Amino acid sequence: MNENVENLVLEHLRSMRQQMARLEEKVDRLSAESLVIRQHVGGLVGSNTLSDHRFASLESRLDRIERRLELVD
Protein backbone atom coordinates (compact mmCIF):
# COMPACT_ATOMS: atom_id res chain seq x y z
CA MET A 1 0.00 0.00 0.00
CA ASN A 2 2.79 2.41 0.94
CA GLU A 3 4.52 1.87 -2.41
CA ASN A 4 1.29 2.63 -4.28
CA VAL A 5 0.91 5.90 -2.38
CA GLU A 6 4.51 6.87 -3.18
CA ASN A 7 3.97 6.07 -6.87
CA LEU A 8 0.76 8.09 -6.89
CA VAL A 9 2.52 11.06 -5.29
CA LEU A 10 5.35 10.79 -7.83
CA GLU A 11 2.85 10.71 -10.69
CA HIS A 12 1.17 13.84 -9.38
CA LEU A 13 4.51 15.57 -8.95
CA ARG A 14 5.57 14.68 -12.51
CA SER A 15 2.26 15.95 -13.83
CA MET A 16 2.67 19.18 -11.89
CA ARG A 17 6.23 19.57 -13.22
CA GLN A 18 5.00 19.16 -16.80
CA GLN A 19 2.22 21.69 -16.26
CA MET A 20 4.68 24.16 -14.75
CA ALA A 21 7.01 23.71 -17.73
CA ARG A 22 4.13 24.44 -20.13
CA LEU A 23 3.17 27.50 -18.08
CA GLU A 24 6.76 28.76 -18.15
CA GLU A 25 6.82 28.40 -21.94
CA LYS A 26 3.56 30.32 -22.23
CA VAL A 27 4.80 33.09 -19.94
CA ASP A 28 8.04 33.37 -21.94
CA ARG A 29 6.09 33.57 -25.21
CA LEU A 30 3.70 36.17 -23.77
CA SER A 31 6.64 38.22 -22.50
CA ALA A 32 8.22 38.21 -25.95
CA GLU A 33 4.91 39.18 -27.57
CA SER A 34 4.46 41.94 -25.01
CA LEU A 35 7.89 43.33 -25.84
CA VAL A 36 7.08 43.39 -29.55
CA ILE A 37 3.76 45.12 -28.88
CA ARG A 38 5.45 47.74 -26.68
CA GLN A 39 8.01 48.40 -29.43
CA HIS A 40 5.25 48.85 -32.01
CA VAL A 41 3.31 51.20 -29.74
CA GLY A 42 6.49 53.19 -29.16
CA GLY A 43 6.97 53.49 -32.91
CA LEU A 44 3.38 54.61 -33.36
CA VAL A 45 3.73 57.25 -30.66
CA GLY A 46 6.90 58.55 -32.32
CA SER A 47 5.18 58.62 -35.69
CA ASN A 48 2.19 60.43 -34.23
CA THR A 49 4.45 63.01 -32.60
CA LEU A 50 6.20 63.61 -35.92
CA SER A 51 2.85 63.98 -37.69
CA ASP A 52 1.67 66.46 -35.05
CA HIS A 53 4.84 68.50 -35.53
CA ARG A 54 4.43 68.51 -39.32
CA PHE A 55 0.78 69.50 -39.01
CA ALA A 56 1.66 72.38 -36.66
CA SER A 57 4.35 73.53 -39.08
CA LEU A 58 1.92 73.47 -42.03
CA GLU A 59 -0.69 75.28 -39.98
CA SER A 60 1.71 78.09 -39.13
CA ARG A 61 2.78 78.37 -42.76
CA LEU A 62 -0.86 78.56 -43.86
CA ASP A 63 -1.53 81.27 -41.28
CA ARG A 64 1.42 83.27 -42.61
CA ILE A 65 0.20 82.90 -46.21
CA GLU A 66 -3.31 83.99 -45.25
CA ARG A 67 -1.93 87.08 -43.49
CA ARG A 68 0.21 88.00 -46.51
CA LEU A 69 -2.75 87.64 -48.85
CA GLU A 70 -4.98 89.42 -46.38
CA LEU A 71 -7.43 86.51 -46.27
CA VAL A 72 -7.74 86.55 -42.50
CA ASP A 73 -11.28 87.30 -41.26
PDB file of N, CA and C in Angstrom:
ATOM      1  N   MET A   1       0.823  -1.194   0.000  1.00  0.00           N
ATOM      2  CA  MET A   1       0.000   0.000   0.000  1.00  0.00           C
ATOM      3  C   MET A   1       0.864   1.253   0.000  1.00  0.00           C
ATOM      4  N   ASN A   2       1.922   1.250   0.815  1.00  0.00           N
ATOM      5  CA  ASN A   2       2.793   2.408   0.943  1.00  0.00           C
ATOM      6  C   ASN A   2       3.472   2.721  -0.382  1.00  0.00           C
ATOM      7  N   GLU A   3       3.879   1.680  -1.111  1.00  0.00           N
ATOM      8  CA  GLU A   3       4.525   1.870  -2.413  1.00  0.00           C
ATOM      9  C   GLU A   3       3.561   2.478  -3.419  1.00  0.00           C
ATOM     10  N   ASN A   4       2.300   2.061  -3.379  1.00  0.00           N
ATOM     11  CA  ASN A   4       1.288   2.630  -4.278  1.00  0.00           C
ATOM     12  C   ASN A   4       1.077   4.116  -4.007  1.00  0.00           C
ATOM     13  N   VAL A   5       1.083   4.482  -2.749  1.00  0.00           N
ATOM     14  CA  VAL A   5       0.907   5.896  -2.375  1.00  0.00           C
ATOM     15  C   VAL A   5       2.095   6.704  -2.877  1.00  0.00           C
ATOM     16  N   GLU A   6       3.317   6.172  -2.713  1.00  0.00           N
ATOM     17  CA  GLU A   6       4.510   6.874  -3.181  1.00  0.00           C
ATOM     18  C   GLU A   6       4.477   7.036  -4.698  1.00  0.00           C
ATOM     19  N   ASN A   7       4.071   5.992  -5.409  1.00  0.00           N
ATOM     20  CA  ASN A   7       3.972   6.074  -6.870  1.00  0.00           C
ATOM     21  C   ASN A   7       2.923   7.101  -7.290  1.00  0.00           C
ATOM     22  N   LEU A   8       1.820   7.122  -6.585  1.00  0.00           N
ATOM     23  CA  LEU A   8       0.760   8.086  -6.887  1.00  0.00           C
ATOM     24  C   LEU A   8       1.245   9.511  -6.669  1.00  0.00           C
ATOM     25  N   VAL A   9       1.965   9.727  -5.579  1.00  0.00           N
ATOM     26  CA  VAL A   9       2.519  11.061  -5.295  1.00  0.00           C
ATOM     27  C   VAL A   9       3.523  11.445  -6.376  1.00  0.00           C
ATOM     28  N   LEU A  10       4.374  10.503  -6.774  1.00  0.00           N
ATOM     29  CA  LEU A  10       5.349  10.791  -7.828  1.00  0.00           C
ATOM     30  C   LEU A  10       4.662  11.130  -9.145  1.00  0.00           C
ATOM     31  N   GLU A  11       3.609  10.412  -9.471  1.00  0.00           N
ATOM     32  CA  GLU A  11       2.853  10.709 -10.694  1.00  0.00           C
ATOM     33  C   GLU A  11       2.283  12.123 -10.659  1.00  0.00           C
ATOM     34  N   HIS A  12       1.726  12.488  -9.516  1.00  0.00           N
ATOM     35  CA  HIS A  12       1.171  13.835  -9.383  1.00  0.00           C
ATOM     36  C   HIS A  12       2.271  14.899  -9.493  1.00  0.00           C
ATOM     37  N   LEU A  13       3.404  14.622  -8.882  1.00  0.00           N
ATOM     38  CA  LEU A  13       4.508  15.572  -8.949  1.00  0.00           C
ATOM     39  C   LEU A  13       5.024  15.723 -10.383  1.00  0.00           C
ATOM     40  N   ARG A  14       5.132  14.616 -11.103  1.00  0.00           N
ATOM     41  CA  ARG A  14       5.568  14.681 -12.508  1.00  0.00           C
ATOM     42  C   ARG A  14       4.574  15.468 -13.354  1.00  0.00           C
ATOM     43  N   SER A  15       3.301  15.214 -13.111  1.00  0.00           N
ATOM     44  CA  SER A  15       2.263  15.946 -13.835  1.00  0.00           C
ATOM     45  C   SER A  15       2.344  17.440 -13.535  1.00  0.00           C
ATOM     46  N   MET A  16       2.556  17.774 -12.279  1.00  0.00           N
ATOM     47  CA  MET A  16       2.675  19.183 -11.893  1.00  0.00           C
ATOM     48  C   MET A  16       3.907  19.814 -12.529  1.00  0.00           C
ATOM     49  N   ARG A  17       4.997  19.059 -12.601  1.00  0.00           N
ATOM     50  CA  ARG A  17       6.227  19.571 -13.218  1.00  0.00           C
ATOM     51  C   ARG A  17       5.992  19.848 -14.703  1.00  0.00           C
ATOM     52  N   GLN A  18       5.298  18.952 -15.386  1.00  0.00           N
ATOM     53  CA  GLN A  18       4.996  19.161 -16.803  1.00  0.00           C
ATOM     54  C   GLN A  18       4.103  20.382 -17.008  1.00  0.00           C
ATOM     55  N   GLN A  19       3.106  20.525 -16.153  1.00  0.00           N
ATOM     56  CA  GLN A  19       2.221  21.688 -16.257  1.00  0.00           C
ATOM     57  C   GLN A  19       2.986  22.984 -16.009  1.00  0.00           C
ATOM     58  N   MET A  20       3.876  22.970 -15.039  1.00  0.00           N
ATOM     59  CA  MET A  20       4.682  24.157 -14.749  1.00  0.00           C
ATOM     60  C   MET A  20       5.582  24.496 -15.940  1.00  0.00           C
ATOM     61  N   ALA A  21       6.151  23.470 -16.570  1.00  0.00           N
ATOM     62  CA  ALA A  21       7.014  23.708 -17.728  1.00  0.00           C
ATOM     63  C   ALA A  21       6.210  24.347 -18.860  1.00  0.00           C
ATOM     64  N   ARG A  22       4.987  23.857 -19.085  1.00  0.00           N
ATOM     65  CA  ARG A  22       4.131  24.444 -20.130  1.00  0.00           C
ATOM     66  C   ARG A  22       3.774  25.889 -19.777  1.00  0.00           C
ATOM     67  N   LEU A  23       3.483  26.130 -18.514  1.00  0.00           N
ATOM     68  CA  LEU A  23       3.168  27.500 -18.082  1.00  0.00           C
ATOM     69  C   LEU A  23       4.363  28.427 -18.274  1.00  0.00           C
ATOM     70  N   GLU A  24       5.555  27.953 -17.962  1.00  0.00           N
ATOM     71  CA  GLU A  24       6.758  28.763 -18.153  1.00  0.00           C
ATOM     72  C   GLU A  24       6.952  29.111 -19.625  1.00  0.00           C
ATOM     73  N   GLU A  25       6.701  28.146 -20.511  1.00  0.00           N
ATOM     74  CA  GLU A  25       6.821  28.402 -21.944  1.00  0.00           C
ATOM     75  C   GLU A  25       5.810  29.462 -22.382  1.00  0.00           C
ATOM     76  N   LYS A  26       4.587  29.347 -21.882  1.00  0.00           N
ATOM     77  CA  LYS A  26       3.563  30.325 -22.235  1.00  0.00           C
ATOM     78  C   LYS A  26       3.917  31.711 -21.729  1.00  0.00           C
ATOM     79  N   VAL A  27       4.415  31.790 -20.509  1.00  0.00           N
ATOM     80  CA  VAL A  27       4.802  33.090 -19.943  1.00  0.00           C
ATOM     81  C   VAL A  27       5.947  33.694 -20.750  1.00  0.00           C
ATOM     82  N   ASP A  28       6.926  32.877 -21.124  1.00  0.00           N
ATOM     83  CA  ASP A  28       8.044  33.367 -21.938  1.00  0.00           C
ATOM     84  C   ASP A  28       7.539  33.890 -23.280  1.00  0.00           C
ATOM     85  N   ARG A  29       6.628  33.148 -23.913  1.00  0.00           N
ATOM     86  CA  ARG A  29       6.086  33.567 -25.205  1.00  0.00           C
ATOM     87  C   ARG A  29       5.293  34.871 -25.063  1.00  0.00           C
ATOM     88  N   LEU A  30       4.481  34.958 -24.000  1.00  0.00           N
ATOM     89  CA  LEU A  30       3.704  36.175 -23.772  1.00  0.00           C
ATOM     90  C   LEU A  30       4.606  37.371 -23.477  1.00  0.00           C
ATOM     91  N   SER A  31       5.694  37.135 -22.776  1.00  0.00           N
ATOM     92  CA  SER A  31       6.639  38.216 -22.499  1.00  0.00           C
ATOM     93  C   SER A  31       7.271  38.729 -23.785  1.00  0.00           C
ATOM     94  N   ALA A  32       7.635  37.811 -24.665  1.00  0.00           N
ATOM     95  CA  ALA A  32       8.219  38.208 -25.946  1.00  0.00           C
ATOM     96  C   ALA A  32       7.196  38.974 -26.783  1.00  0.00           C
ATOM     97  N   GLU A  33       5.963  38.496 -26.818  1.00  0.00           N
ATOM     98  CA  GLU A  33       4.912  39.180 -27.571  1.00  0.00           C
ATOM     99  C   GLU A  33       4.640  40.561 -26.985  1.00  0.00           C
ATOM    100  N   SER A  34       4.667  40.657 -25.670  1.00  0.00           N
ATOM    101  CA  SER A  34       4.457  41.942 -25.007  1.00  0.00           C
ATOM    102  C   SER A  34       5.556  42.930 -25.383  1.00  0.00           C
ATOM    103  N   LEU A  35       6.785  42.470 -25.454  1.00  0.00           N
ATOM    104  CA  LEU A  35       7.894  43.326 -25.841  1.00  0.00           C
ATOM    105  C   LEU A  35       7.699  43.852 -27.257  1.00  0.00           C
ATOM    106  N   VAL A  36       7.306  42.981 -28.168  1.00  0.00           N
ATOM    107  CA  VAL A  36       7.077  43.388 -29.554  1.00  0.00           C
ATOM    108  C   VAL A  36       5.951  44.418 -29.626  1.00  0.00           C
ATOM    109  N   ILE A  37       4.881  44.188 -28.882  1.00  0.00           N
ATOM    110  CA  ILE A  37       3.758  45.124 -28.875  1.00  0.00           C
ATOM    111  C   ILE A  37       4.201  46.479 -28.341  1.00  0.00           C
ATOM    112  N   ARG A  38       4.967  46.477 -27.248  1.00  0.00           N
ATOM    113  CA  ARG A  38       5.454  47.743 -26.683  1.00  0.00           C
ATOM    114  C   ARG A  38       6.336  48.488 -27.679  1.00  0.00           C
ATOM    115  N   GLN A  39       7.158  47.755 -28.429  1.00  0.00           N
ATOM    116  CA  GLN A  39       8.011  48.396 -29.434  1.00  0.00           C
ATOM    117  C   GLN A  39       7.163  49.012 -30.543  1.00  0.00           C
ATOM    118  N   HIS A  40       6.131  48.309 -30.974  1.00  0.00           N
ATOM    119  CA  HIS A  40       5.249  48.846 -32.014  1.00  0.00           C
ATOM    120  C   HIS A  40       4.514  50.089 -31.523  1.00  0.00           C
ATOM    121  N   VAL A  41       4.019  50.039 -30.304  1.00  0.00           N
ATOM    122  CA  VAL A  41       3.314  51.198 -29.743  1.00  0.00           C
ATOM    123  C   VAL A  41       4.272  52.379 -29.642  1.00  0.00           C
ATOM    124  N   GLY A  42       5.488  52.129 -29.219  1.00  0.00           N
ATOM    125  CA  GLY A  42       6.485  53.195 -29.155  1.00  0.00           C
ATOM    126  C   GLY A  42       6.732  53.816 -30.521  1.00  0.00           C
ATOM    127  N   GLY A  43       6.803  52.984 -31.548  1.00  0.00           N
ATOM    128  CA  GLY A  43       6.965  53.493 -32.909  1.00  0.00           C
ATOM    129  C   GLY A  43       5.773  54.319 -33.352  1.00  0.00           C
ATOM    130  N   LEU A  44       4.581  53.860 -33.006  1.00  0.00           N
ATOM    131  CA  LEU A  44       3.376  54.612 -33.363  1.00  0.00           C
ATOM    132  C   LEU A  44       3.331  55.958 -32.661  1.00  0.00           C
ATOM    133  N   VAL A  45       3.720  55.985 -31.402  1.00  0.00           N
ATOM    134  CA  VAL A  45       3.734  57.251 -30.657  1.00  0.00           C
ATOM    135  C   VAL A  45       4.728  58.213 -31.299  1.00  0.00           C
ATOM    136  N   GLY A  46       5.897  57.707 -31.656  1.00  0.00           N
ATOM    137  CA  GLY A  46       6.898  58.548 -32.319  1.00  0.00           C
ATOM    138  C   GLY A  46       6.396  59.067 -33.647  1.00  0.00           C
ATOM    139  N   SER A  47       5.745  58.213 -34.405  1.00  0.00           N
ATOM    140  CA  SER A  47       5.185  58.616 -35.692  1.00  0.00           C
ATOM    141  C   SER A  47       4.102  59.658 -35.512  1.00  0.00           C
ATOM    142  N   ASN A  48       3.258  59.477 -34.504  1.00  0.00           N
ATOM    143  CA  ASN A  48       2.188  60.432 -34.231  1.00  0.00           C
ATOM    144  C   ASN A  48       2.759  61.785 -33.826  1.00  0.00           C
ATOM    145  N   THR A  49       3.803  61.760 -33.022  1.00  0.00           N
ATOM    146  CA  THR A  49       4.449  63.007 -32.604  1.00  0.00           C
ATOM    147  C   THR A  49       5.021  63.742 -33.802  1.00  0.00           C
ATOM    148  N   LEU A  50       5.652  63.007 -34.708  1.00  0.00           N
ATOM    149  CA  LEU A  50       6.200  63.611 -35.920  1.00  0.00           C
ATOM    150  C   LEU A  50       5.083  64.196 -36.774  1.00  0.00           C
ATOM    151  N   SER A  51       3.989  63.479 -36.910  1.00  0.00           N
ATOM    152  CA  SER A  51       2.848  63.976 -37.687  1.00  0.00           C
ATOM    153  C   SER A  51       2.275  65.245 -37.059  1.00  0.00           C
ATOM    154  N   ASP A  52       2.168  65.261 -35.733  1.00  0.00           N
ATOM    155  CA  ASP A  52       1.668  66.459 -35.048  1.00  0.00           C
ATOM    156  C   ASP A  52       2.573  67.654 -35.317  1.00  0.00           C
ATOM    157  N   HIS A  53       3.888  67.416 -35.278  1.00  0.00           N
ATOM    158  CA  HIS A  53       4.837  68.497 -35.531  1.00  0.00           C
ATOM    159  C   HIS A  53       4.693  69.016 -36.958  1.00  0.00           C
ATOM    160  N   ARG A  54       4.587  68.104 -37.917  1.00  0.00           N
ATOM    161  CA  ARG A  54       4.428  68.511 -39.315  1.00  0.00           C
ATOM    162  C   ARG A  54       3.131  69.278 -39.523  1.00  0.00           C
ATOM    163  N   PHE A  55       2.065  68.819 -38.890  1.00  0.00           N
ATOM    164  CA  PHE A  55       0.782  69.502 -39.014  1.00  0.00           C
ATOM    165  C   PHE A  55       0.873  70.911 -38.435  1.00  0.00           C
ATOM    166  N   ALA A  56       1.510  71.063 -37.282  1.00  0.00           N
ATOM    167  CA  ALA A  56       1.662  72.380 -36.664  1.00  0.00           C
ATOM    168  C   ALA A  56       2.485  73.300 -37.558  1.00  0.00           C
ATOM    169  N   SER A  57       3.515  72.743 -38.183  1.00  0.00           N
ATOM    170  CA  SER A  57       4.348  73.529 -39.084  1.00  0.00           C
ATOM    171  C   SER A  57       3.541  73.997 -40.298  1.00  0.00           C
ATOM    172  N   LEU A  58       2.761  73.093 -40.871  1.00  0.00           N
ATOM    173  CA  LEU A  58       1.920  73.466 -42.029  1.00  0.00           C
ATOM    174  C   LEU A  58       0.868  74.494 -41.638  1.00  0.00           C
ATOM    175  N   GLU A  59       0.322  74.332 -40.440  1.00  0.00           N
ATOM    176  CA  GLU A  59      -0.692  75.276 -39.977  1.00  0.00           C
ATOM    177  C   GLU A  59      -0.099  76.676 -39.821  1.00  0.00           C
ATOM    178  N   SER A  60       1.096  76.769 -39.283  1.00  0.00           N
ATOM    179  CA  SER A  60       1.713  78.090 -39.126  1.00  0.00           C
ATOM    180  C   SER A  60       2.057  78.694 -40.482  1.00  0.00           C
ATOM    181  N   ARG A  61       2.499  77.862 -41.417  1.00  0.00           N
ATOM    182  CA  ARG A  61       2.782  78.365 -42.764  1.00  0.00           C
ATOM    183  C   ARG A  61       1.518  78.864 -43.441  1.00  0.00           C
ATOM    184  N   LEU A  62       0.415  78.143 -43.279  1.00  0.00           N
ATOM    185  CA  LEU A  62      -0.856  78.560 -43.864  1.00  0.00           C
ATOM    186  C   LEU A  62      -1.330  79.878 -43.247  1.00  0.00           C
ATOM    187  N   ASP A  63      -1.166  80.015 -41.942  1.00  0.00           N
ATOM    188  CA  ASP A  63      -1.529  81.272 -41.281  1.00  0.00           C
ATOM    189  C   ASP A  63      -0.729  82.441 -41.848  1.00  0.00           C
ATOM    190  N   ARG A  64       0.563  82.217 -42.042  1.00  0.00           N
ATOM    191  CA  ARG A  64       1.416  83.266 -42.605  1.00  0.00           C
ATOM    192  C   ARG A  64       0.973  83.638 -44.014  1.00  0.00           C
ATOM    193  N   ILE A  65       0.649  82.647 -44.828  1.00  0.00           N
ATOM    194  CA  ILE A  65       0.195  82.898 -46.208  1.00  0.00           C
ATOM    195  C   ILE A  65      -1.115  83.683 -46.201  1.00  0.00           C
ATOM    196  N   GLU A  66      -2.027  83.286 -45.336  1.00  0.00           N
ATOM    197  CA  GLU A  66      -3.309  83.992 -45.250  1.00  0.00           C
ATOM    198  C   GLU A  66      -3.103  85.447 -44.840  1.00  0.00           C
ATOM    199  N   ARG A  67      -2.191  85.695 -43.908  1.00  0.00           N
ATOM    200  CA  ARG A  67      -1.927  87.080 -43.491  1.00  0.00           C
ATOM    201  C   ARG A  67      -1.337  87.886 -44.633  1.00  0.00           C
ATOM    202  N   ARG A  68      -0.414  87.284 -45.377  1.00  0.00           N
ATOM    203  CA  ARG A  68       0.211  88.004 -46.506  1.00  0.00           C
ATOM    204  C   ARG A  68      -0.812  88.329 -47.597  1.00  0.00           C
ATOM    205  N   LEU A  69      -1.735  87.403 -47.813  1.00  0.00           N
ATOM    206  CA  LEU A  69      -2.752  87.637 -48.855  1.00  0.00           C
ATOM    207  C   LEU A  69      -3.967  88.371 -48.316  1.00  0.00           C
ATOM    208  N   GLU A  70      -3.903  88.709 -47.045  1.00  0.00           N
ATOM    209  CA  GLU A  70      -4.975  89.423 -46.380  1.00  0.00           C
ATOM    210  C   GLU A  70      -6.308  88.667 -46.485  1.00  0.00           C
ATOM    211  N   LEU A  71      -6.226  87.363 -46.237  1.00  0.00           N
ATOM    212  CA  LEU A  71      -7.430  86.511 -46.271  1.00  0.00           C
ATOM    213  C   LEU A  71      -7.967  86.226 -44.876  1.00  0.00           C
ATOM    214  N   VAL A  72      -7.347  86.809 -43.880  1.00  0.00           N
ATOM    215  CA  VAL A  72      -7.742  86.553 -42.504  1.00  0.00           C
ATOM    216  C   VAL A  72      -9.022  87.307 -42.214  1.00  0.00           C
ATOM    217  N   ASP A  73     -10.012  86.643 -41.584  1.00  0.00           N
ATOM    218  CA  ASP A  73     -11.285  87.299 -41.256  1.00  0.00           C
ATOM    219  C   ASP A  73     -11.138  88.248 -40.118  1.00  0.00           C
TER     220      ASP A  73
END
